[in-house]
């Protein structure tokens, strides 16, 4: 639901607005990743794609259906959570 504030600008009720310069600079942090971690995630991506029978090629995969790309990402998250749980349990 929207309402007009005293300045006549539309704002969503109950939501904070972040200045565009702040949100755009903080949301794109691809360069902040440790290089070894990026390589490990790439390896995991190709391993999971192979397990799912999805033909993932090096580089651009724009022809890959969203459902398949989402499956790869979903299994990556699942595996990363399992690894973190094992690590926190001390195994």
Foldseek 3Di string as FASTA:
>chain_A
DWDADPVRDIDDPPDDDDDPVVCVVVVDPPVVDDPVVVVVLVVLLVVVCVVVVHDDDPDDDVVDDPVSVVVSVVVSVVVVVVVVVCVVVPD
